[in-house]
Amino acid sequence: MATTLDFPQMLRGAALRVTRPRVAVLQAVHTHPHADTDSIIGAVRRDLPEVSHQAVYDSLHALTAAGLVRRIQPSGSVARYESRVRDNHHHVVCRSCGRIADVDCAVGDAPCLTASNDSGFSIDEAEVVYWGICPDCSTTGSS
């Protein structure tokens, strides 16, 4: 069951002005999870060939600040963007090809938000990155 997203309405709901670059960037992030900026620029330019790098960077910044997209940057990687926000999920990264996949919290109601010592902080998010080898790279390496 495919869901059609109303990107202009999402922007209005976040009190952002609706512009063609913002709509195109938001759509690209939804279509290409964990994409880097260059990949997003390429995707946006398929629909808006005249869009500038700066317009994409500005849109990503505004969308991230508004909570419509999430910026992640695993160690040793360029920044990547995803549309899955506000659910405290984590990521697994392939050490070989760099592929990134989402990983839900292990069990219960966000157990990763219960730190052994919170040092007085009110914790609302945890970032966990799992590292390993993806199935495609495991198969390639064992051939």
N, C-alpha and C. Protein backbone atom coordinates (compact mmCIF):
# COMPACT_ATOMS: atom_id res chain seq x y z
N MET A 1 0.84 -1.17 0.00
CA MET A 1 0.00 0.00 0.00
C MET A 1 0.89 1.24 0.00
N ALA A 2 0.96 1.93 -1.13
CA ALA A 2 1.81 3.10 -1.28
C ALA A 2 1.12 4.33 -0.70
N THR A 3 1.89 5.13 -0.02
CA THR A 3 1.37 6.36 0.55
C THR A 3 1.91 7.53 -0.25
N THR A 4 1.04 8.41 -0.70
CA THR A 4 1.47 9.61 -1.41
C THR A 4 1.67 10.70 -0.37
N LEU A 5 2.86 11.25 -0.35
CA LEU A 5 3.17 12.28 0.62
C LEU A 5 2.90 13.65 0.02
N ASP A 6 2.37 14.54 0.82
CA ASP A 6 2.10 15.90 0.40
C ASP A 6 3.25 16.78 0.90
N PHE A 7 4.29 16.89 0.08
CA PHE A 7 5.48 17.62 0.50
C PHE A 7 5.21 19.10 0.75
N PRO A 8 4.42 19.79 -0.10
CA PRO A 8 4.11 21.20 0.24
C PRO A 8 3.42 21.32 1.60
N GLN A 9 2.49 20.42 1.90
CA GLN A 9 1.79 20.47 3.19
C GLN A 9 2.76 20.20 4.34
N MET A 10 3.70 19.28 4.12
CA MET A 10 4.71 19.01 5.16
C MET A 10 5.52 20.28 5.45
N LEU A 11 5.88 21.01 4.41
CA LEU A 11 6.64 22.25 4.59
C LEU A 11 5.80 23.29 5.33
N ARG A 12 4.56 23.45 4.90
CA ARG A 12 3.68 24.41 5.59
C ARG A 12 3.49 24.02 7.05
N GLY A 13 3.33 22.73 7.31
CA GLY A 13 3.16 22.25 8.68
C GLY A 13 4.36 22.53 9.57
N ALA A 14 5.53 22.67 8.94
CA ALA A 14 6.75 22.99 9.69
C ALA A 14 7.05 24.49 9.65
N ALA A 15 6.07 25.28 9.20
CA ALA A 15 6.20 26.74 9.10
C ALA A 15 7.32 27.16 8.16
N LEU A 16 7.53 26.37 7.09
CA LEU A 16 8.52 26.71 6.08
C LEU A 16 7.80 27.17 4.82
N ARG A 17 8.39 28.13 4.14
CA ARG A 17 7.85 28.59 2.87
C ARG A 17 8.00 27.46 1.85
N VAL A 18 7.00 27.27 1.04
CA VAL A 18 7.03 26.23 0.01
C VAL A 18 7.74 26.79 -1.22
N THR A 19 8.89 26.17 -1.55
CA THR A 19 9.63 26.54 -2.75
C THR A 19 9.89 25.28 -3.56
N ARG A 20 10.10 25.44 -4.84
CA ARG A 20 10.37 24.27 -5.69
C ARG A 20 11.62 23.52 -5.22
N PRO A 21 12.72 24.20 -4.88
CA PRO A 21 13.89 23.45 -4.39
C PRO A 21 13.62 22.69 -3.09
N ARG A 22 12.90 23.28 -2.17
CA ARG A 22 12.59 22.58 -0.91
C ARG A 22 11.74 21.35 -1.16
N VAL A 23 10.73 21.48 -2.00
CA VAL A 23 9.88 20.33 -2.32
C VAL A 23 10.71 19.24 -2.98
N ALA A 24 11.57 19.63 -3.94
CA ALA A 24 12.39 18.65 -4.65
C ALA A 24 13.40 17.97 -3.72
N VAL A 25 14.00 18.73 -2.81
CA VAL A 25 14.96 18.15 -1.87
C VAL A 25 14.25 17.21 -0.90
N LEU A 26 13.11 17.60 -0.39
CA LEU A 26 12.35 16.75 0.53
C LEU A 26 11.95 15.45 -0.17
N GLN A 27 11.52 15.56 -1.40
CA GLN A 27 11.15 14.37 -2.17
C GLN A 27 12.37 13.48 -2.41
N ALA A 28 13.51 14.08 -2.72
CA ALA A 28 14.74 13.30 -2.97
C ALA A 28 15.18 12.56 -1.71
N VAL A 29 15.08 13.19 -0.55
CA VAL A 29 15.47 12.53 0.70
C VAL A 29 14.52 11.37 1.00
N HIS A 30 13.24 11.55 0.72
CA HIS A 30 12.28 10.46 0.93
C HIS A 30 12.51 9.31 -0.04
N THR A 31 12.92 9.63 -1.26
CA THR A 31 13.13 8.62 -2.29
C THR A 31 14.46 7.90 -2.14
N HIS A 32 15.46 8.59 -1.60
CA HIS A 32 16.82 8.04 -1.49
C HIS A 32 17.30 8.12 -0.04
N PRO A 33 16.84 7.20 0.82
CA PRO A 33 17.26 7.26 2.23
C PRO A 33 18.77 7.10 2.38
N HIS A 34 19.34 7.85 3.28
CA HIS A 34 20.76 7.82 3.61
C HIS A 34 21.63 8.34 2.47
N ALA A 35 21.07 9.19 1.61
CA ALA A 35 21.83 9.75 0.49
C ALA A 35 22.74 10.87 0.98
N ASP A 36 23.88 11.00 0.31
CA ASP A 36 24.77 12.13 0.62
C ASP A 36 24.31 13.34 -0.20
N THR A 37 24.93 14.47 0.06
CA THR A 37 24.51 15.72 -0.58
C THR A 37 24.64 15.65 -2.09
N ASP A 38 25.73 15.09 -2.61
CA ASP A 38 25.91 15.01 -4.06
C ASP A 38 24.81 14.17 -4.71
N SER A 39 24.43 13.07 -4.06
CA SER A 39 23.35 12.24 -4.60
C SER A 39 22.01 12.99 -4.58
N ILE A 40 21.79 13.76 -3.53
CA ILE A 40 20.55 14.54 -3.45
C ILE A 40 20.55 15.62 -4.54
N ILE A 41 21.68 16.28 -4.74
CA ILE A 41 21.77 17.29 -5.81
C ILE A 41 21.45 16.64 -7.15
N GLY A 42 22.01 15.47 -7.42
CA GLY A 42 21.74 14.77 -8.68
C GLY A 42 20.28 14.43 -8.85
N ALA A 43 19.65 13.95 -7.78
CA ALA A 43 18.23 13.60 -7.84
C ALA A 43 17.37 14.84 -8.07
N VAL A 44 17.70 15.92 -7.38
CA VAL A 44 16.92 17.16 -7.52
C VAL A 44 17.07 17.72 -8.93
N ARG A 45 18.27 17.65 -9.48
CA ARG A 45 18.51 18.21 -10.82
C ARG A 45 17.82 17.43 -11.94
N ARG A 46 17.39 16.22 -11.67
CA ARG A 46 16.61 15.50 -12.68
C ARG A 46 15.26 16.20 -12.92
N ASP A 47 14.71 16.80 -11.86
CA ASP A 47 13.44 17.53 -11.98
C ASP A 47 13.64 19.04 -12.13
N LEU A 48 14.69 19.56 -11.51
CA LEU A 48 14.99 21.00 -11.55
C LEU A 48 16.44 21.19 -12.00
N PRO A 49 16.72 21.09 -13.30
CA PRO A 49 18.11 21.14 -13.78
C PRO A 49 18.84 22.43 -13.41
N GLU A 50 18.09 23.51 -13.19
CA GLU A 50 18.72 24.81 -12.92
C GLU A 50 19.06 25.04 -11.46
N VAL A 51 18.68 24.12 -10.57
CA VAL A 51 18.89 24.35 -9.14
C VAL A 51 20.38 24.41 -8.81
N SER A 52 20.74 25.34 -7.94
CA SER A 52 22.15 25.51 -7.57
C SER A 52 22.51 24.60 -6.39
N HIS A 53 23.81 24.34 -6.26
CA HIS A 53 24.28 23.59 -5.09
C HIS A 53 23.83 24.30 -3.82
N GLN A 54 23.97 25.63 -3.80
CA GLN A 54 23.65 26.39 -2.60
C GLN A 54 22.17 26.26 -2.24
N ALA A 55 21.29 26.23 -3.23
CA ALA A 55 19.86 26.08 -2.94
C ALA A 55 19.59 24.72 -2.28
N VAL A 56 20.30 23.68 -2.73
CA VAL A 56 20.12 22.36 -2.12
C VAL A 56 20.68 22.35 -0.70
N TYR A 57 21.87 22.92 -0.52
CA TYR A 57 22.45 23.00 0.83
C TYR A 57 21.54 23.79 1.76
N ASP A 58 21.02 24.93 1.30
CA ASP A 58 20.13 25.75 2.12
C ASP A 58 18.85 24.98 2.46
N SER A 59 18.31 24.26 1.48
CA SER A 59 17.10 23.48 1.72
C SER A 59 17.35 22.38 2.74
N LEU A 60 18.46 21.67 2.59
CA LEU A 60 18.79 20.61 3.56
C LEU A 60 18.92 21.19 4.96
N HIS A 61 19.56 22.34 5.07
CA HIS A 61 19.72 22.97 6.38
C HIS A 61 18.36 23.34 6.98
N ALA A 62 17.49 23.95 6.17
CA ALA A 62 16.17 24.35 6.66
C ALA A 62 15.32 23.13 7.03
N LEU A 63 15.37 22.09 6.20
CA LEU A 63 14.57 20.89 6.46
C LEU A 63 15.07 20.16 7.71
N THR A 64 16.37 20.16 7.92
CA THR A 64 16.94 19.54 9.12
C THR A 64 16.56 20.34 10.36
N ALA A 65 16.70 21.66 10.28
CA ALA A 65 16.35 22.51 11.43
C ALA A 65 14.87 22.39 11.78
N ALA A 66 14.02 22.17 10.77
CA ALA A 66 12.58 22.05 11.01
C ALA A 66 12.18 20.64 11.45
N GLY A 67 13.12 19.71 11.45
CA GLY A 67 12.82 18.35 11.88
C GLY A 67 12.15 17.49 10.82
N LEU A 68 12.18 17.93 9.57
CA LEU A 68 11.57 17.14 8.50
C LEU A 68 12.53 16.09 7.94
N VAL A 69 13.83 16.34 8.08
CA VAL A 69 14.84 15.35 7.71
C VAL A 69 15.86 15.27 8.83
N ARG A 70 16.60 14.20 8.84
CA ARG A 70 17.63 13.98 9.86
C ARG A 70 18.97 13.85 9.16
N ARG A 71 19.96 14.53 9.69
CA ARG A 71 21.33 14.46 9.18
C ARG A 71 22.09 13.47 10.04
N ILE A 72 22.73 12.51 9.38
CA ILE A 72 23.57 11.56 10.11
C ILE A 72 24.96 11.60 9.48
N GLN A 73 25.96 11.29 10.27
CA GLN A 73 27.32 11.27 9.74
C GLN A 73 28.14 10.23 10.49
N PRO A 74 28.03 8.97 10.04
CA PRO A 74 28.85 7.93 10.68
C PRO A 74 30.34 8.26 10.55
N SER A 75 31.11 7.84 11.49
CA SER A 75 32.55 8.10 11.50
C SER A 75 33.18 7.75 10.16
N GLY A 76 33.94 8.68 9.61
CA GLY A 76 34.64 8.44 8.35
C GLY A 76 33.78 8.61 7.12
N SER A 77 32.55 9.07 7.29
CA SER A 77 31.61 9.21 6.18
C SER A 77 31.22 10.67 6.01
N VAL A 78 30.78 11.01 4.81
CA VAL A 78 30.21 12.34 4.59
C VAL A 78 28.82 12.36 5.21
N ALA A 79 28.28 13.54 5.39
CA ALA A 79 26.93 13.68 5.93
C ALA A 79 25.93 13.03 4.98
N ARG A 80 24.93 12.40 5.58
CA ARG A 80 23.85 11.77 4.82
C ARG A 80 22.54 12.21 5.44
N TYR A 81 21.48 12.10 4.66
CA TYR A 81 20.18 12.60 5.10
C TYR A 81 19.12 11.52 4.95
N GLU A 82 18.17 11.52 5.87
CA GLU A 82 17.07 10.56 5.84
C GLU A 82 15.79 11.24 6.27
N SER A 83 14.67 10.63 5.85
CA SER A 83 13.36 11.19 6.18
C SER A 83 12.75 10.56 7.42
N ARG A 84 13.36 9.53 7.93
CA ARG A 84 12.84 8.88 9.13
C ARG A 84 13.31 9.67 10.35
N VAL A 85 12.39 10.41 10.94
CA VAL A 85 12.73 11.32 12.04
C VAL A 85 11.87 11.02 13.26
N ARG A 86 12.32 11.47 14.41
CA ARG A 86 11.57 11.44 15.68
C ARG A 86 11.21 10.05 16.18
N ASP A 87 11.96 9.04 15.81
CA ASP A 87 11.63 7.71 16.33
C ASP A 87 12.81 7.02 17.00
N ASN A 88 13.92 7.71 17.15
CA ASN A 88 15.08 7.21 17.85
C ASN A 88 15.57 5.85 17.34
N HIS A 89 15.60 5.69 16.02
CA HIS A 89 16.18 4.47 15.46
C HIS A 89 17.68 4.66 15.30
N HIS A 90 18.35 3.59 14.96
CA HIS A 90 19.81 3.62 14.82
C HIS A 90 20.19 3.17 13.42
N HIS A 91 21.49 2.95 13.20
CA HIS A 91 21.97 2.59 11.87
C HIS A 91 23.03 1.50 11.96
N VAL A 92 23.11 0.72 10.88
CA VAL A 92 24.18 -0.25 10.71
C VAL A 92 24.90 0.16 9.43
N VAL A 93 26.24 0.17 9.47
CA VAL A 93 27.06 0.62 8.35
C VAL A 93 28.00 -0.50 7.92
N CYS A 94 28.07 -0.75 6.62
CA CYS A 94 28.99 -1.76 6.09
C CYS A 94 30.39 -1.16 6.02
N ARG A 95 31.34 -1.85 6.63
CA ARG A 95 32.73 -1.41 6.61
C ARG A 95 33.35 -1.50 5.22
N SER A 96 32.78 -2.30 4.36
CA SER A 96 33.35 -2.52 3.04
C SER A 96 32.82 -1.52 2.01
N CYS A 97 31.50 -1.46 1.82
CA CYS A 97 30.92 -0.61 0.76
C CYS A 97 30.30 0.68 1.28
N GLY A 98 30.11 0.80 2.60
CA GLY A 98 29.53 2.01 3.17
C GLY A 98 28.02 2.04 3.20
N ARG A 99 27.37 0.96 2.76
CA ARG A 99 25.90 0.90 2.78
C ARG A 99 25.40 1.13 4.20
N ILE A 100 24.29 1.86 4.32
CA ILE A 100 23.70 2.17 5.62
C ILE A 100 22.26 1.66 5.62
N ALA A 101 21.86 1.04 6.72
CA ALA A 101 20.48 0.57 6.89
C ALA A 101 19.99 1.00 8.27
N ASP A 102 18.68 1.15 8.38
CA ASP A 102 18.07 1.50 9.66
C ASP A 102 17.99 0.29 10.57
N VAL A 103 18.11 0.53 11.87
CA VAL A 103 17.97 -0.50 12.89
C VAL A 103 17.07 0.08 13.99
N ASP A 104 15.97 -0.60 14.26
CA ASP A 104 15.09 -0.15 15.33
C ASP A 104 15.73 -0.44 16.68
N CYS A 105 15.29 0.30 17.71
CA CYS A 105 15.75 0.01 19.07
C CYS A 105 15.43 -1.45 19.39
N ALA A 106 16.25 -2.05 20.22
CA ALA A 106 16.17 -3.48 20.48
C ALA A 106 14.82 -3.94 21.01
N VAL A 107 14.37 -3.43 22.14
CA VAL A 107 13.12 -3.89 22.75
C VAL A 107 12.50 -2.76 23.57
N GLY A 108 11.22 -2.86 23.81
CA GLY A 108 10.56 -1.95 24.74
C GLY A 108 10.44 -0.53 24.23
N ASP A 109 10.14 0.37 25.14
CA ASP A 109 9.96 1.77 24.83
C ASP A 109 11.29 2.50 24.88
N ALA A 110 11.98 2.52 23.75
CA ALA A 110 13.26 3.22 23.61
C ALA A 110 14.22 2.89 24.76
N PRO A 111 14.59 1.62 24.94
CA PRO A 111 15.47 1.24 26.05
C PRO A 111 16.82 1.94 25.98
N CYS A 112 17.22 2.33 24.79
CA CYS A 112 18.52 2.97 24.65
C CYS A 112 18.52 4.39 25.23
N LEU A 113 17.37 4.88 25.67
CA LEU A 113 17.32 6.20 26.28
C LEU A 113 17.53 6.14 27.79
N THR A 114 17.71 4.95 28.32
CA THR A 114 17.97 4.80 29.74
C THR A 114 19.46 4.55 29.93
N ALA A 115 20.17 5.63 30.20
CA ALA A 115 21.63 5.53 30.37
C ALA A 115 21.96 5.02 31.77
N SER A 116 23.09 4.33 31.90
CA SER A 116 23.49 3.84 33.21
C SER A 116 23.79 5.01 34.16
N ASN A 117 24.25 6.14 33.60
CA ASN A 117 24.48 7.35 34.39
C ASN A 117 24.21 8.53 33.47
N ASP A 118 23.10 9.23 33.68
CA ASP A 118 22.73 10.33 32.79
C ASP A 118 23.37 11.66 33.16
N SER A 119 24.16 11.69 34.23
CA SER A 119 24.86 12.91 34.68
C SER A 119 23.93 14.11 34.81
N GLY A 120 22.67 13.84 35.11
CA GLY A 120 21.71 14.92 35.31
C GLY A 120 21.04 15.41 34.03
N PHE A 121 21.41 14.83 32.88
CA PHE A 121 20.82 15.24 31.61
C PHE A 121 19.41 14.66 31.47
N SER A 122 18.56 15.37 30.75
CA SER A 122 17.26 14.86 30.35
C SER A 122 17.44 14.33 28.93
N ILE A 123 17.63 13.03 28.79
CA ILE A 123 17.97 12.42 27.51
C ILE A 123 16.72 12.24 26.65
N ASP A 124 16.80 12.70 25.39
CA ASP A 124 15.67 12.54 24.48
C ASP A 124 16.05 11.83 23.18
N GLU A 125 17.32 11.50 23.01
CA GLU A 125 17.75 10.80 21.80
C GLU A 125 19.06 10.07 22.08
N ALA A 126 19.23 8.93 21.45
CA ALA A 126 20.49 8.19 21.54
C ALA A 126 20.94 7.88 20.12
N GLU A 127 22.23 8.01 19.85
CA GLU A 127 22.78 7.67 18.55
C GLU A 127 23.67 6.45 18.70
N VAL A 128 23.25 5.38 18.07
CA VAL A 128 24.02 4.14 18.10
C VAL A 128 24.31 3.78 16.66
N VAL A 129 25.57 3.48 16.37
CA VAL A 129 25.93 3.03 15.02
C VAL A 129 26.57 1.65 15.16
N TYR A 130 25.97 0.69 14.47
CA TYR A 130 26.53 -0.65 14.42
C TYR A 130 27.39 -0.74 13.16
N TRP A 131 28.51 -1.41 13.25
CA TRP A 131 29.42 -1.57 12.12
C TRP A 131 29.57 -3.05 11.80
N GLY A 132 29.67 -3.38 10.54
CA GLY A 132 29.86 -4.76 10.13
C GLY A 132 30.00 -4.85 8.62
N ILE A 133 29.71 -6.01 8.08
CA ILE A 133 29.78 -6.26 6.65
C ILE A 133 28.38 -6.61 6.17
N CYS A 134 27.91 -5.93 5.12
CA CYS A 134 26.56 -6.17 4.60
C CYS A 134 26.51 -7.53 3.89
N PRO A 135 25.30 -8.05 3.66
CA PRO A 135 25.17 -9.35 3.01
C PRO A 135 25.83 -9.42 1.63
N ASP A 136 25.72 -8.35 0.82
CA ASP A 136 26.33 -8.36 -0.50
C ASP A 136 27.85 -8.46 -0.42
N CYS A 137 28.46 -7.71 0.49
CA CYS A 137 29.92 -7.75 0.64
C CYS A 137 30.37 -9.08 1.26
N SER A 138 29.56 -9.65 2.16
CA SER A 138 29.89 -10.95 2.75
C SER A 138 29.92 -12.02 1.68
N THR A 139 28.93 -11.98 0.77
CA THR A 139 28.86 -12.95 -0.32
C THR A 139 30.03 -12.78 -1.28
N THR A 140 30.37 -11.54 -1.60
CA THR A 140 31.47 -11.25 -2.52
C THR A 140 32.79 -11.73 -1.91
N GLY A 141 32.97 -11.48 -0.62
CA GLY A 141 34.21 -11.86 0.04
C GLY A 141 34.38 -13.35 0.20
N SER A 142 33.29 -14.11 0.23
CA SER A 142 33.40 -15.57 0.45
C SER A 142 33.44 -16.34 -0.86
N SER A 143 33.33 -15.62 -2.01
CA SER A 143 33.34 -16.31 -3.30
C SER A 143 34.74 -16.68 -3.71
